[in-house]
Amino acid sequence: MPIRTERLVLREPEARDRAAVIELFASPEVGTYTGGPRPRDELERAVPAVPRRRSGFFVVDLAAAMIGIVTLDRRDAERTGHIRPDGGEAELGYLFLPEAWGCGYAAEACAAALDWFAGALPGEPVVLTTQSANQRSMRVAAKLGFAEVGRFEEYGSEQWFGAWSSLTPSG
């Protein structure tokens, strides 16, 4: 930590990120494919002064300002979509502020996080789920080298489910 790319820094969350985290989760644009925006007053009460630090949770900075987050968490075994019989695969997630969309930042940040993950757990697969209607996210998944494993209904819409391995190069 931190992880540096050509344009970005992936780092642990800090107190200065709180306002941007609230903006991220309250944004109607960001919420389009994630179940809708969360009420700002609820977020003001729920988001701690310093967002929780944990392995696999990265704040993405551009010019020292938070523009998004990237996460690598274990996929809940009870959820639909797995590549292992017992579940528990690492799952890539990301959210970016709308002003950062369309610049390649998501793919750049996610590729750096996947490289970090591959260094920590060589050969371990990573899964990604996105609504199949989310064309931007589908393009990021393809650019990163995720291969479609299947589709299923979850949260009232069709989900695309893909897998990636460090044995296959990312974008």
N, C-alpha and C. Protein backbone atom coordinates (compact mmCIF):
# COMPACT_ATOMS: atom_id res chain seq x y z
N MET A 1 0.85 -1.19 0.00
CA MET A 1 0.00 0.00 0.00
C MET A 1 0.88 1.23 0.00
N PRO A 2 0.61 2.23 -0.68
CA PRO A 2 -0.38 2.33 -1.75
C PRO A 2 0.10 1.68 -3.05
N ILE A 3 -0.86 1.50 -3.96
CA ILE A 3 -0.56 0.98 -5.29
C ILE A 3 -0.64 2.15 -6.26
N ARG A 4 0.38 2.33 -7.06
CA ARG A 4 0.41 3.44 -8.02
C ARG A 4 0.30 2.90 -9.45
N THR A 5 -0.53 3.57 -10.25
CA THR A 5 -0.62 3.27 -11.67
C THR A 5 -0.14 4.51 -12.41
N GLU A 6 -0.29 4.51 -13.70
CA GLU A 6 0.15 5.67 -14.49
C GLU A 6 -0.54 6.96 -14.03
N ARG A 7 -1.86 6.86 -13.71
CA ARG A 7 -2.60 8.08 -13.36
C ARG A 7 -3.21 8.08 -11.95
N LEU A 8 -3.25 6.92 -11.31
CA LEU A 8 -4.02 6.77 -10.09
C LEU A 8 -3.19 6.26 -8.93
N VAL A 9 -3.75 6.44 -7.72
CA VAL A 9 -3.20 5.84 -6.51
C VAL A 9 -4.33 5.08 -5.84
N LEU A 10 -4.10 3.81 -5.53
CA LEU A 10 -5.03 2.99 -4.76
C LEU A 10 -4.45 2.92 -3.35
N ARG A 11 -5.26 3.33 -2.36
CA ARG A 11 -4.76 3.44 -0.99
C ARG A 11 -5.84 3.08 0.02
N GLU A 12 -5.44 3.03 1.28
CA GLU A 12 -6.39 2.81 2.37
C GLU A 12 -7.28 4.04 2.54
N PRO A 13 -8.50 3.85 3.03
CA PRO A 13 -9.37 5.01 3.28
C PRO A 13 -8.85 5.87 4.43
N GLU A 14 -9.17 7.15 4.35
CA GLU A 14 -8.78 8.13 5.38
C GLU A 14 -10.00 8.99 5.71
N ALA A 15 -9.90 9.75 6.80
CA ALA A 15 -11.00 10.61 7.23
C ALA A 15 -11.42 11.58 6.13
N ARG A 16 -10.49 12.05 5.33
CA ARG A 16 -10.80 13.02 4.26
C ARG A 16 -11.69 12.43 3.16
N ASP A 17 -11.87 11.11 3.15
CA ASP A 17 -12.67 10.44 2.11
C ASP A 17 -14.16 10.38 2.45
N ARG A 18 -14.53 10.71 3.67
CA ARG A 18 -15.92 10.52 4.12
C ARG A 18 -16.93 11.20 3.21
N ALA A 19 -16.73 12.46 2.88
CA ALA A 19 -17.69 13.19 2.05
C ALA A 19 -17.83 12.55 0.67
N ALA A 20 -16.72 12.12 0.08
CA ALA A 20 -16.76 11.49 -1.24
C ALA A 20 -17.44 10.12 -1.17
N VAL A 21 -17.24 9.37 -0.08
CA VAL A 21 -17.91 8.08 0.08
C VAL A 21 -19.42 8.28 0.15
N ILE A 22 -19.84 9.28 0.91
CA ILE A 22 -21.27 9.59 1.01
C ILE A 22 -21.81 9.99 -0.36
N GLU A 23 -21.10 10.84 -1.07
CA GLU A 23 -21.52 11.25 -2.41
C GLU A 23 -21.64 10.06 -3.36
N LEU A 24 -20.68 9.16 -3.28
CA LEU A 24 -20.67 7.97 -4.12
C LEU A 24 -21.94 7.14 -3.93
N PHE A 25 -22.28 6.84 -2.69
CA PHE A 25 -23.43 5.98 -2.42
C PHE A 25 -24.77 6.70 -2.51
N ALA A 26 -24.77 8.04 -2.46
CA ALA A 26 -26.00 8.82 -2.59
C ALA A 26 -26.30 9.20 -4.03
N SER A 27 -25.35 9.01 -4.93
CA SER A 27 -25.50 9.43 -6.33
C SER A 27 -26.55 8.61 -7.08
N PRO A 28 -27.55 9.28 -7.66
CA PRO A 28 -28.54 8.54 -8.46
C PRO A 28 -27.90 7.84 -9.67
N GLU A 29 -26.89 8.46 -10.28
CA GLU A 29 -26.22 7.85 -11.43
C GLU A 29 -25.49 6.58 -11.02
N VAL A 30 -24.75 6.64 -9.93
CA VAL A 30 -24.02 5.46 -9.44
C VAL A 30 -25.01 4.36 -9.04
N GLY A 31 -26.14 4.75 -8.46
CA GLY A 31 -27.12 3.79 -7.99
C GLY A 31 -27.96 3.14 -9.07
N THR A 32 -27.82 3.58 -10.33
CA THR A 32 -28.63 3.05 -11.42
C THR A 32 -28.60 1.52 -11.48
N TYR A 33 -27.43 0.93 -11.34
CA TYR A 33 -27.29 -0.53 -11.46
C TYR A 33 -26.94 -1.21 -10.14
N THR A 34 -27.07 -0.47 -9.04
CA THR A 34 -26.71 -1.04 -7.74
C THR A 34 -27.86 -0.99 -6.74
N GLY A 35 -29.08 -0.96 -7.25
CA GLY A 35 -30.23 -0.96 -6.36
C GLY A 35 -30.71 0.42 -5.96
N GLY A 36 -30.18 1.45 -6.59
CA GLY A 36 -30.62 2.81 -6.32
C GLY A 36 -29.73 3.52 -5.32
N PRO A 37 -29.82 4.85 -5.31
CA PRO A 37 -29.02 5.62 -4.35
C PRO A 37 -29.52 5.42 -2.94
N ARG A 38 -28.63 5.54 -1.99
CA ARG A 38 -29.02 5.48 -0.57
C ARG A 38 -29.31 6.90 -0.10
N PRO A 39 -30.25 7.06 0.80
CA PRO A 39 -30.58 8.40 1.30
C PRO A 39 -29.37 9.05 1.99
N ARG A 40 -29.10 10.29 1.62
CA ARG A 40 -27.94 11.01 2.16
C ARG A 40 -27.97 11.08 3.69
N ASP A 41 -29.14 11.35 4.28
CA ASP A 41 -29.21 11.46 5.74
C ASP A 41 -28.87 10.12 6.41
N GLU A 42 -29.28 9.01 5.79
CA GLU A 42 -28.93 7.69 6.30
C GLU A 42 -27.42 7.47 6.23
N LEU A 43 -26.82 7.88 5.12
CA LEU A 43 -25.37 7.74 4.96
C LEU A 43 -24.61 8.62 5.95
N GLU A 44 -25.10 9.82 6.18
CA GLU A 44 -24.45 10.73 7.15
C GLU A 44 -24.38 10.07 8.53
N ARG A 45 -25.42 9.32 8.88
CA ARG A 45 -25.44 8.63 10.18
C ARG A 45 -24.58 7.36 10.15
N ALA A 46 -24.55 6.67 9.03
CA ALA A 46 -23.93 5.34 8.96
C ALA A 46 -22.43 5.34 8.64
N VAL A 47 -21.98 6.28 7.82
CA VAL A 47 -20.57 6.26 7.39
C VAL A 47 -19.70 6.80 8.53
N PRO A 48 -18.75 6.00 8.99
CA PRO A 48 -17.88 6.45 10.10
C PRO A 48 -16.95 7.58 9.67
N ALA A 49 -16.39 8.25 10.66
CA ALA A 49 -15.45 9.35 10.39
C ALA A 49 -14.30 8.88 9.50
N VAL A 50 -13.81 7.70 9.78
CA VAL A 50 -12.79 7.09 8.91
C VAL A 50 -13.39 5.79 8.40
N PRO A 51 -13.64 5.70 7.07
CA PRO A 51 -14.19 4.45 6.54
C PRO A 51 -13.31 3.27 6.95
N ARG A 52 -13.95 2.15 7.17
CA ARG A 52 -13.28 0.95 7.66
C ARG A 52 -12.11 0.54 6.77
N ARG A 53 -10.99 0.30 7.38
CA ARG A 53 -9.81 -0.18 6.65
C ARG A 53 -9.78 -1.68 6.71
N ARG A 54 -9.52 -2.29 5.56
CA ARG A 54 -9.40 -3.75 5.50
C ARG A 54 -8.67 -4.12 4.23
N SER A 55 -8.07 -5.29 4.26
CA SER A 55 -7.37 -5.78 3.08
C SER A 55 -8.36 -5.94 1.93
N GLY A 56 -7.97 -5.49 0.76
CA GLY A 56 -8.83 -5.63 -0.41
C GLY A 56 -9.80 -4.48 -0.60
N PHE A 57 -9.74 -3.43 0.22
CA PHE A 57 -10.59 -2.24 0.05
C PHE A 57 -9.67 -1.08 -0.28
N PHE A 58 -9.85 -0.54 -1.48
CA PHE A 58 -8.99 0.54 -1.94
C PHE A 58 -9.79 1.78 -2.28
N VAL A 59 -9.33 2.92 -1.81
CA VAL A 59 -9.82 4.21 -2.29
C VAL A 59 -8.98 4.52 -3.52
N VAL A 60 -9.64 5.02 -4.57
CA VAL A 60 -8.93 5.37 -5.81
C VAL A 60 -8.81 6.89 -5.87
N ASP A 61 -7.58 7.37 -5.92
CA ASP A 61 -7.29 8.80 -5.98
C ASP A 61 -6.81 9.20 -7.37
N LEU A 62 -7.27 10.36 -7.80
CA LEU A 62 -6.75 11.03 -8.99
C LEU A 62 -6.37 12.43 -8.54
N ALA A 63 -5.11 12.78 -8.68
CA ALA A 63 -4.62 14.10 -8.26
C ALA A 63 -5.01 14.39 -6.80
N ALA A 64 -4.82 13.41 -5.93
CA ALA A 64 -5.07 13.51 -4.49
C ALA A 64 -6.54 13.70 -4.11
N ALA A 65 -7.47 13.39 -5.01
CA ALA A 65 -8.90 13.44 -4.71
C ALA A 65 -9.52 12.08 -4.98
N MET A 66 -10.36 11.61 -4.05
CA MET A 66 -11.02 10.33 -4.22
C MET A 66 -12.01 10.40 -5.39
N ILE A 67 -11.89 9.42 -6.32
CA ILE A 67 -12.84 9.34 -7.43
C ILE A 67 -13.62 8.04 -7.42
N GLY A 68 -13.24 7.10 -6.55
CA GLY A 68 -13.95 5.83 -6.51
C GLY A 68 -13.35 4.87 -5.51
N ILE A 69 -13.92 3.66 -5.52
CA ILE A 69 -13.42 2.59 -4.66
C ILE A 69 -13.36 1.30 -5.47
N VAL A 70 -12.43 0.44 -5.07
CA VAL A 70 -12.31 -0.91 -5.64
C VAL A 70 -12.24 -1.86 -4.45
N THR A 71 -12.98 -2.97 -4.54
CA THR A 71 -12.98 -3.94 -3.45
C THR A 71 -12.71 -5.35 -4.00
N LEU A 72 -12.07 -6.13 -3.19
CA LEU A 72 -11.90 -7.57 -3.42
C LEU A 72 -12.34 -8.25 -2.13
N ASP A 73 -13.54 -8.83 -2.17
CA ASP A 73 -14.14 -9.49 -1.00
C ASP A 73 -14.48 -10.93 -1.36
N ARG A 74 -14.71 -11.74 -0.35
CA ARG A 74 -15.16 -13.11 -0.58
C ARG A 74 -16.65 -13.09 -0.88
N ARG A 75 -17.05 -13.75 -1.96
CA ARG A 75 -18.46 -13.83 -2.34
C ARG A 75 -19.19 -14.75 -1.38
N ASP A 76 -20.30 -14.26 -0.86
CA ASP A 76 -21.11 -15.01 0.10
C ASP A 76 -21.57 -16.32 -0.54
N ALA A 77 -21.34 -17.42 0.16
CA ALA A 77 -21.67 -18.75 -0.36
C ALA A 77 -23.16 -18.93 -0.62
N GLU A 78 -24.02 -18.16 0.06
CA GLU A 78 -25.47 -18.29 -0.11
C GLU A 78 -25.97 -17.59 -1.38
N ARG A 79 -25.17 -16.70 -1.95
CA ARG A 79 -25.60 -16.00 -3.15
C ARG A 79 -25.49 -16.90 -4.37
N THR A 80 -26.29 -16.60 -5.37
CA THR A 80 -26.21 -17.31 -6.65
C THR A 80 -24.91 -16.90 -7.33
N GLY A 81 -24.33 -17.82 -8.08
CA GLY A 81 -23.14 -17.52 -8.87
C GLY A 81 -21.85 -17.90 -8.16
N HIS A 82 -21.30 -19.03 -8.57
CA HIS A 82 -20.02 -19.49 -8.02
C HIS A 82 -19.30 -20.33 -9.07
N ILE A 83 -17.99 -20.40 -8.93
CA ILE A 83 -17.20 -21.27 -9.80
C ILE A 83 -16.62 -22.44 -9.01
N ARG A 84 -16.79 -22.40 -7.70
CA ARG A 84 -16.36 -23.49 -6.83
C ARG A 84 -17.59 -24.07 -6.14
N PRO A 85 -17.62 -25.35 -5.90
CA PRO A 85 -18.79 -25.96 -5.25
C PRO A 85 -19.09 -25.35 -3.87
N ASP A 86 -18.04 -24.99 -3.13
CA ASP A 86 -18.25 -24.44 -1.78
C ASP A 86 -18.32 -22.92 -1.76
N GLY A 87 -18.18 -22.26 -2.92
CA GLY A 87 -18.25 -20.79 -2.98
C GLY A 87 -17.03 -20.14 -2.36
N GLY A 88 -17.21 -18.91 -1.90
CA GLY A 88 -16.13 -18.19 -1.23
C GLY A 88 -15.08 -17.60 -2.14
N GLU A 89 -15.37 -17.47 -3.42
CA GLU A 89 -14.40 -16.89 -4.34
C GLU A 89 -14.18 -15.41 -4.03
N ALA A 90 -13.04 -14.90 -4.42
CA ALA A 90 -12.81 -13.46 -4.33
C ALA A 90 -13.67 -12.79 -5.40
N GLU A 91 -14.32 -11.68 -5.03
CA GLU A 91 -15.19 -10.97 -5.96
C GLU A 91 -14.72 -9.53 -6.09
N LEU A 92 -14.53 -9.09 -7.31
CA LEU A 92 -14.13 -7.72 -7.60
C LEU A 92 -15.36 -6.84 -7.66
N GLY A 93 -15.30 -5.71 -6.98
CA GLY A 93 -16.36 -4.72 -7.04
C GLY A 93 -15.74 -3.34 -7.19
N TYR A 94 -16.47 -2.43 -7.78
CA TYR A 94 -15.95 -1.06 -7.93
C TYR A 94 -17.11 -0.09 -8.14
N LEU A 95 -16.91 1.11 -7.65
CA LEU A 95 -17.83 2.22 -7.86
C LEU A 95 -17.00 3.48 -8.07
N PHE A 96 -17.40 4.28 -9.04
CA PHE A 96 -16.71 5.54 -9.33
C PHE A 96 -17.71 6.67 -9.41
N LEU A 97 -17.29 7.86 -9.00
CA LEU A 97 -18.13 9.04 -9.13
C LEU A 97 -18.39 9.32 -10.60
N PRO A 98 -19.59 9.79 -10.95
CA PRO A 98 -19.94 10.00 -12.37
C PRO A 98 -18.95 10.88 -13.13
N GLU A 99 -18.36 11.86 -12.48
CA GLU A 99 -17.40 12.72 -13.20
C GLU A 99 -16.13 11.98 -13.61
N ALA A 100 -15.92 10.78 -13.07
CA ALA A 100 -14.74 9.98 -13.43
C ALA A 100 -15.06 8.93 -14.49
N TRP A 101 -16.31 8.85 -14.93
CA TRP A 101 -16.71 7.84 -15.91
C TRP A 101 -16.18 8.19 -17.30
N GLY A 102 -15.92 7.14 -18.07
CA GLY A 102 -15.55 7.32 -19.47
C GLY A 102 -14.09 7.68 -19.71
N CYS A 103 -13.26 7.62 -18.68
CA CYS A 103 -11.85 7.99 -18.81
C CYS A 103 -10.90 6.79 -18.66
N GLY A 104 -11.45 5.61 -18.47
CA GLY A 104 -10.62 4.42 -18.31
C GLY A 104 -10.10 4.21 -16.89
N TYR A 105 -10.55 5.03 -15.94
CA TYR A 105 -10.05 4.90 -14.57
C TYR A 105 -10.48 3.58 -13.92
N ALA A 106 -11.70 3.14 -14.15
CA ALA A 106 -12.17 1.90 -13.53
C ALA A 106 -11.30 0.72 -13.99
N ALA A 107 -11.08 0.62 -15.28
CA ALA A 107 -10.26 -0.48 -15.80
C ALA A 107 -8.83 -0.40 -15.26
N GLU A 108 -8.27 0.81 -15.21
CA GLU A 108 -6.90 0.99 -14.73
C GLU A 108 -6.79 0.61 -13.25
N ALA A 109 -7.73 1.07 -12.44
CA ALA A 109 -7.70 0.78 -11.01
C ALA A 109 -7.96 -0.70 -10.74
N CYS A 110 -8.93 -1.27 -11.44
CA CYS A 110 -9.25 -2.69 -11.23
C CYS A 110 -8.10 -3.59 -11.68
N ALA A 111 -7.44 -3.24 -12.78
CA ALA A 111 -6.29 -4.04 -13.23
C ALA A 111 -5.18 -4.00 -12.18
N ALA A 112 -4.97 -2.84 -11.57
CA ALA A 112 -3.94 -2.74 -10.52
C ALA A 112 -4.33 -3.57 -9.30
N ALA A 113 -5.61 -3.54 -8.93
CA ALA A 113 -6.07 -4.35 -7.79
C ALA A 113 -5.94 -5.84 -8.09
N LEU A 114 -6.28 -6.24 -9.32
CA LEU A 114 -6.13 -7.65 -9.70
C LEU A 114 -4.67 -8.08 -9.70
N ASP A 115 -3.77 -7.21 -10.14
CA ASP A 115 -2.34 -7.52 -10.09
C ASP A 115 -1.88 -7.70 -8.64
N TRP A 116 -2.35 -6.81 -7.76
CA TRP A 116 -2.03 -6.92 -6.33
C TRP A 116 -2.53 -8.26 -5.79
N PHE A 117 -3.78 -8.60 -6.12
CA PHE A 117 -4.38 -9.85 -5.66
C PHE A 117 -3.60 -11.05 -6.18
N ALA A 118 -3.24 -11.03 -7.46
CA ALA A 118 -2.49 -12.14 -8.05
C ALA A 118 -1.13 -12.31 -7.39
N GLY A 119 -0.53 -11.22 -6.95
CA GLY A 119 0.74 -11.30 -6.23
C GLY A 119 0.57 -11.91 -4.84
N ALA A 120 -0.59 -11.60 -4.21
CA ALA A 120 -0.85 -12.11 -2.86
C ALA A 120 -1.33 -13.56 -2.88
N LEU A 121 -2.15 -13.91 -3.89
CA LEU A 121 -2.72 -15.26 -3.98
C LEU A 121 -2.60 -15.76 -5.43
N PRO A 122 -1.40 -16.13 -5.86
CA PRO A 122 -1.19 -16.54 -7.25
C PRO A 122 -2.13 -17.67 -7.69
N GLY A 123 -2.72 -17.50 -8.85
CA GLY A 123 -3.59 -18.53 -9.43
C GLY A 123 -5.00 -18.55 -8.87
N GLU A 124 -5.28 -17.78 -7.82
CA GLU A 124 -6.62 -17.73 -7.22
C GLU A 124 -7.57 -16.99 -8.16
N PRO A 125 -8.71 -17.59 -8.49
CA PRO A 125 -9.65 -16.92 -9.40
C PRO A 125 -10.40 -15.78 -8.72
N VAL A 126 -10.87 -14.85 -9.53
CA VAL A 126 -11.68 -13.72 -9.07
C VAL A 126 -12.95 -13.72 -9.91
N VAL A 127 -14.08 -13.45 -9.27
CA VAL A 127 -15.35 -13.36 -10.00
C VAL A 127 -15.85 -11.92 -9.98
N LEU A 128 -16.74 -11.64 -10.91
CA LEU A 128 -17.34 -10.32 -11.03
C LEU A 128 -18.79 -10.51 -11.46
N THR A 129 -19.69 -9.77 -10.83
CA THR A 129 -21.10 -9.80 -11.20
C THR A 129 -21.53 -8.39 -11.51
N THR A 130 -22.25 -8.21 -12.61
CA THR A 130 -22.82 -6.91 -12.95
C THR A 130 -24.13 -7.14 -13.67
N GLN A 131 -25.01 -6.16 -13.60
CA GLN A 131 -26.23 -6.28 -14.38
C GLN A 131 -25.84 -6.32 -15.86
N SER A 132 -26.44 -7.23 -16.60
CA SER A 132 -26.12 -7.33 -18.03
C SER A 132 -26.52 -6.06 -18.77
N ALA A 133 -27.43 -5.27 -18.22
CA ALA A 133 -27.82 -3.99 -18.83
C ALA A 133 -26.77 -2.90 -18.64
N ASN A 134 -25.82 -3.11 -17.74
CA ASN A 134 -24.79 -2.10 -17.47
C ASN A 134 -23.66 -2.24 -18.48
N GLN A 135 -23.82 -1.61 -19.62
CA GLN A 135 -22.86 -1.75 -20.71
C GLN A 135 -21.46 -1.26 -20.34
N ARG A 136 -21.37 -0.20 -19.57
CA ARG A 136 -20.04 0.29 -19.15
C ARG A 136 -19.29 -0.77 -18.34
N SER A 137 -19.99 -1.37 -17.38
CA SER A 137 -19.37 -2.40 -16.55
C SER A 137 -19.03 -3.64 -17.36
N MET A 138 -19.88 -3.97 -18.32
CA MET A 138 -19.60 -5.11 -19.20
C MET A 138 -18.31 -4.87 -19.99
N ARG A 139 -18.10 -3.64 -20.45
CA ARG A 139 -16.87 -3.31 -21.19
C ARG A 139 -15.64 -3.40 -20.29
N VAL A 140 -15.76 -2.93 -19.05
CA VAL A 140 -14.65 -3.02 -18.11
C VAL A 140 -14.30 -4.49 -17.86
N ALA A 141 -15.31 -5.32 -17.63
CA ALA A 141 -15.08 -6.75 -17.39
C ALA A 141 -14.34 -7.38 -18.57
N ALA A 142 -14.76 -7.06 -19.79
CA ALA A 142 -14.10 -7.61 -20.98
C ALA A 142 -12.66 -7.11 -21.07
N LYS A 143 -12.45 -5.83 -20.83
CA LYS A 143 -11.10 -5.26 -20.92
C LYS A 143 -10.16 -5.91 -19.90
N LEU A 144 -10.69 -6.25 -18.73
CA LEU A 144 -9.88 -6.88 -17.67
C LEU A 144 -9.62 -8.36 -17.92
N GLY A 145 -10.34 -8.95 -18.86
CA GLY A 145 -10.12 -10.37 -19.17
C GLY A 145 -11.06 -11.32 -18.45
N PHE A 146 -12.17 -10.82 -17.91
CA PHE A 146 -13.17 -11.71 -17.30
C PHE A 146 -13.90 -12.46 -18.40
N ALA A 147 -14.09 -13.74 -18.21
CA ALA A 147 -14.83 -14.58 -19.16
C ALA A 147 -16.18 -14.92 -18.56
N GLU A 148 -17.22 -14.85 -19.38
CA GLU A 148 -18.56 -15.14 -18.89
C GLU A 148 -18.66 -16.59 -18.45
N VAL A 149 -19.22 -16.78 -17.25
CA VAL A 149 -19.48 -18.09 -16.71
C VAL A 149 -20.97 -18.40 -16.80
N GLY A 150 -21.78 -17.36 -16.66
CA GLY A 150 -23.22 -17.56 -16.74
C GLY A 150 -23.98 -16.28 -16.46
N ARG A 151 -25.30 -16.42 -16.52
CA ARG A 151 -26.21 -15.32 -16.20
C ARG A 151 -27.29 -15.86 -15.30
N PHE A 152 -27.81 -15.00 -14.44
CA PHE A 152 -28.88 -15.39 -13.52
C PHE A 152 -29.63 -14.16 -13.09
N GLU A 153 -30.79 -14.40 -12.51
CA GLU A 153 -31.62 -13.31 -11.98
C GLU A 153 -31.25 -13.06 -10.53
N GLU A 154 -31.01 -11.82 -10.18
CA GLU A 154 -30.75 -11.42 -8.80
C GLU A 154 -31.10 -9.94 -8.69
N TYR A 155 -31.67 -9.55 -7.57
CA TYR A 155 -32.06 -8.15 -7.35
C TYR A 155 -33.02 -7.64 -8.43
N GLY A 156 -33.85 -8.54 -8.96
CA GLY A 156 -34.86 -8.14 -9.92
C GLY A 156 -34.37 -7.86 -11.32
N SER A 157 -33.14 -8.28 -11.65
CA SER A 157 -32.65 -8.08 -13.02
C SER A 157 -31.63 -9.15 -13.38
N GLU A 158 -31.37 -9.27 -14.68
CA GLU A 158 -30.39 -10.26 -15.15
C GLU A 158 -28.98 -9.80 -14.78
N GLN A 159 -28.24 -10.73 -14.20
CA GLN A 159 -26.85 -10.49 -13.81
C GLN A 159 -25.91 -11.27 -14.72
N TRP A 160 -24.84 -10.62 -15.12
CA TRP A 160 -23.75 -11.27 -15.86
C TRP A 160 -22.72 -11.69 -14.82
N PHE A 161 -22.24 -12.93 -14.94
CA PHE A 161 -21.28 -13.47 -13.97
C PHE A 161 -20.05 -13.95 -14.73
N GLY A 162 -18.89 -13.40 -14.37
CA GLY A 162 -17.65 -13.76 -15.05
C GLY A 162 -16.55 -14.13 -14.09
N ALA A 163 -15.51 -14.76 -14.63
CA ALA A 163 -14.37 -15.18 -13.83
C ALA A 163 -13.08 -14.74 -14.49
N TRP A 164 -12.07 -14.52 -13.65
CA TRP A 164 -10.73 -14.10 -14.08
C TRP A 164 -9.72 -14.88 -13.27
N SER A 165 -8.60 -15.14 -13.88
CA SER A 165 -7.49 -15.79 -13.16
C SER A 165 -6.19 -15.11 -13.56
N SER A 166 -5.26 -15.04 -12.64
CA SER A 166 -3.95 -14.44 -12.96
C SER A 166 -3.22 -15.27 -14.00
N LEU A 167 -3.72 -16.46 -14.26
CA LEU A 167 -3.12 -17.30 -15.31
C LEU A 167 -3.50 -16.80 -16.69
N THR A 168 -4.53 -15.92 -16.75
CA THR A 168 -4.93 -15.25 -18.00
C THR A 168 -4.64 -13.76 -17.82
N PRO A 169 -3.93 -13.13 -18.73
CA PRO A 169 -3.54 -11.73 -18.53
C PRO A 169 -4.74 -10.77 -18.51
N SER A 170 -4.66 -9.74 -17.64
CA SER A 170 -5.70 -8.70 -17.60
C SER A 170 -5.33 -7.60 -18.59
N GLY A 171 -6.36 -6.74 -18.88
CA GLY A 171 -6.20 -5.67 -19.84
C GLY A 171 -5.23 -4.67 -19.39
